[in-house]
Amino acid sequence: MAFPRLNGLRTIEFGTPGPMRERLNALVLEGRKRATAGLLQHDYINQNETIEVVGEELFVLNSSAASVGKVKVIKVEVLRFDDVADDFAKAEGEGDLTGDDFRNSHREYWSSLGISVEGDTMIVTVYFTLVSEAM
């Protein structure tokens, strides 16, 4: 299943639907969340989806699949889970201050979804800026 499209643009959904997604969307709209991570195999290859590219704009969807804003991709990296740097953890804006914090919280999150993540698991880190909020 490919990422949904809205008005010709791909969309992005943070976390799982419900309180988590709404909290993460609020962080994006406040400008505190400026990055996100996905699993290369699970979120891209298995979904037959291409990795975001610098300059691409994405609509941010809420739990009801309605747009709450638009972001623009400014940097993308594919790296090993163990190689996530402190700067990324801070840019993600979810309270993790180091790469180790990121690994602990995200391993727990993905594990809760039944997905095993090891140190050599490849992830995609996407940095973005908020272009606009939904009108």
Protein backbone atom coordinates (compact mmCIF):
# COMPACT_ATOMS: atom_id res chain seq x y z
CA MET A 1 0.00 0.00 0.00
CA ALA A 2 1.58 3.27 -1.10
CA PHE A 3 1.49 6.48 0.87
CA PRO A 4 -1.84 8.25 0.27
CA ARG A 5 -1.87 11.19 -2.14
CA LEU A 6 -3.69 14.49 -1.66
CA ASN A 7 -3.97 17.07 -4.44
CA GLY A 8 -1.14 15.30 -6.25
CA LEU A 9 1.28 15.32 -3.30
CA ARG A 10 2.32 12.44 -1.11
CA THR A 11 1.27 12.58 2.50
CA ILE A 12 3.00 11.82 5.78
CA GLU A 13 1.47 10.39 8.92
CA PHE A 14 3.36 10.54 12.22
CA GLY A 15 3.06 7.74 14.77
CA THR A 16 -0.12 5.75 15.15
CA PRO A 17 -3.63 7.21 14.76
CA GLY A 18 -5.13 8.71 17.89
CA PRO A 19 -3.51 10.68 20.70
CA MET A 20 0.04 9.90 19.57
CA ARG A 21 -0.51 11.22 16.04
CA GLU A 22 -2.29 14.34 17.27
CA ARG A 23 0.55 15.05 19.75
CA LEU A 24 3.20 14.61 17.05
CA ASN A 25 1.25 16.78 14.60
CA ALA A 26 1.02 19.51 17.24
CA LEU A 27 4.82 19.38 17.61
CA VAL A 28 5.17 19.80 13.83
CA LEU A 29 2.78 22.76 13.76
CA GLU A 30 4.62 24.36 16.71
CA GLY A 31 7.91 24.00 14.81
CA ARG A 32 9.42 21.73 17.46
CA LYS A 33 9.32 18.53 15.39
CA ARG A 34 11.55 18.99 12.34
CA ALA A 35 12.42 15.39 11.50
CA THR A 36 11.06 11.87 11.45
CA ALA A 37 12.32 8.34 10.89
CA GLY A 38 10.94 5.33 9.08
CA LEU A 39 12.10 1.77 8.59
CA LEU A 40 13.54 1.22 5.12
CA GLN A 41 12.21 -2.33 4.77
CA HIS A 42 8.85 -1.94 6.51
CA ASP A 43 7.84 1.59 5.51
CA TYR A 44 9.34 1.84 2.02
CA ILE A 45 10.31 -1.45 0.41
CA ASN A 46 7.31 -3.42 1.72
CA GLN A 47 4.99 -0.54 0.78
CA ASN A 48 6.55 -0.20 -2.70
CA GLU A 49 7.20 3.45 -1.86
CA THR A 50 10.12 5.65 -2.83
CA ILE A 51 12.18 7.55 -0.28
CA GLU A 52 11.40 11.24 0.05
CA VAL A 53 13.67 13.65 -1.85
CA VAL A 54 14.98 17.08 -0.91
CA GLY A 55 12.53 19.75 -2.02
CA GLU A 56 9.51 17.44 -1.98
CA GLU A 57 6.42 18.78 -0.23
CA LEU A 58 4.19 16.47 1.79
CA PHE A 59 0.79 17.00 3.36
CA VAL A 60 0.67 16.10 7.07
CA LEU A 61 -2.40 14.00 7.88
CA ASN A 62 -4.25 13.71 11.18
CA SER A 63 -5.95 10.60 12.53
CA SER A 64 -8.97 11.26 10.28
CA ALA A 65 -6.76 11.45 7.16
CA ALA A 66 -7.38 15.21 6.87
CA SER A 67 -4.51 17.57 6.11
CA VAL A 68 -3.30 19.69 9.03
CA GLY A 69 -0.37 21.25 7.21
CA LYS A 70 2.36 20.89 4.63
CA VAL A 71 6.08 20.26 5.14
CA LYS A 72 9.03 20.51 2.77
CA VAL A 73 11.84 17.93 2.88
CA ILE A 74 15.25 19.53 3.44
CA LYS A 75 17.47 16.49 4.11
CA VAL A 76 17.19 12.70 3.80
CA GLU A 77 19.59 10.04 5.03
CA VAL A 78 19.48 6.25 4.94
CA LEU A 79 21.54 4.83 7.77
CA ARG A 80 21.85 2.04 10.28
CA PHE A 81 19.69 2.31 13.40
CA ASP A 82 22.87 2.34 15.55
CA ASP A 83 24.20 5.32 13.57
CA VAL A 84 21.43 7.80 14.42
CA ALA A 85 23.16 10.92 15.75
CA ASP A 86 22.23 13.19 18.63
CA ASP A 87 21.37 16.00 16.20
CA PHE A 88 18.66 13.90 14.59
CA ALA A 89 17.19 12.89 17.96
CA LYS A 90 16.90 16.58 18.90
CA ALA A 91 15.44 17.59 15.52
CA GLU A 92 12.77 14.93 15.87
CA GLY A 93 11.42 16.99 18.76
CA GLU A 94 9.88 14.13 20.71
CA GLY A 95 11.97 14.57 23.86
CA ASP A 96 14.94 12.42 22.89
CA LEU A 97 18.17 14.35 23.43
CA THR A 98 20.68 11.78 22.23
CA GLY A 99 20.96 9.02 19.67
CA ASP A 100 20.76 6.53 22.54
CA ASP A 101 17.48 8.10 23.74
CA PHE A 102 16.15 7.83 20.18
CA ARG A 103 17.16 4.18 19.89
CA ASN A 104 15.53 3.26 23.21
CA SER A 105 12.22 5.04 22.56
CA HIS A 106 11.94 3.98 18.92
CA ARG A 107 12.93 0.37 19.55
CA GLU A 108 10.14 0.29 22.16
CA TYR A 109 7.65 1.93 19.74
CA TRP A 110 8.43 -0.36 16.81
CA SER A 111 8.45 -3.39 19.11
CA SER A 112 4.93 -2.44 20.26
CA LEU A 113 3.92 -2.76 16.58
CA GLY A 114 5.50 -6.21 16.38
CA ILE A 115 8.54 -5.01 14.43
CA SER A 116 12.01 -6.09 15.56
CA VAL A 117 14.72 -3.46 15.16
CA GLU A 118 18.40 -4.32 15.46
CA GLY A 119 21.50 -2.13 15.32
CA ASP A 120 22.02 -2.82 11.62
CA THR A 121 18.36 -2.24 10.67
CA MET A 122 18.33 0.43 7.97
CA ILE A 123 16.21 3.50 8.63
CA VAL A 124 15.33 6.59 6.66
CA THR A 125 15.68 9.92 8.45
CA VAL A 126 13.76 12.81 6.93
CA TYR A 127 14.31 16.42 7.97
CA PHE A 128 11.69 19.00 7.03
CA THR A 129 10.41 22.52 7.54
CA LEU A 130 6.80 23.54 8.00
CA VAL A 131 5.52 25.26 4.85
CA SER A 132 1.98 25.97 5.99
CA GLU A 133 -0.80 24.94 8.30
CA ALA A 134 -4.10 23.71 6.90
CA MET A 135 -6.66 26.38 6.26
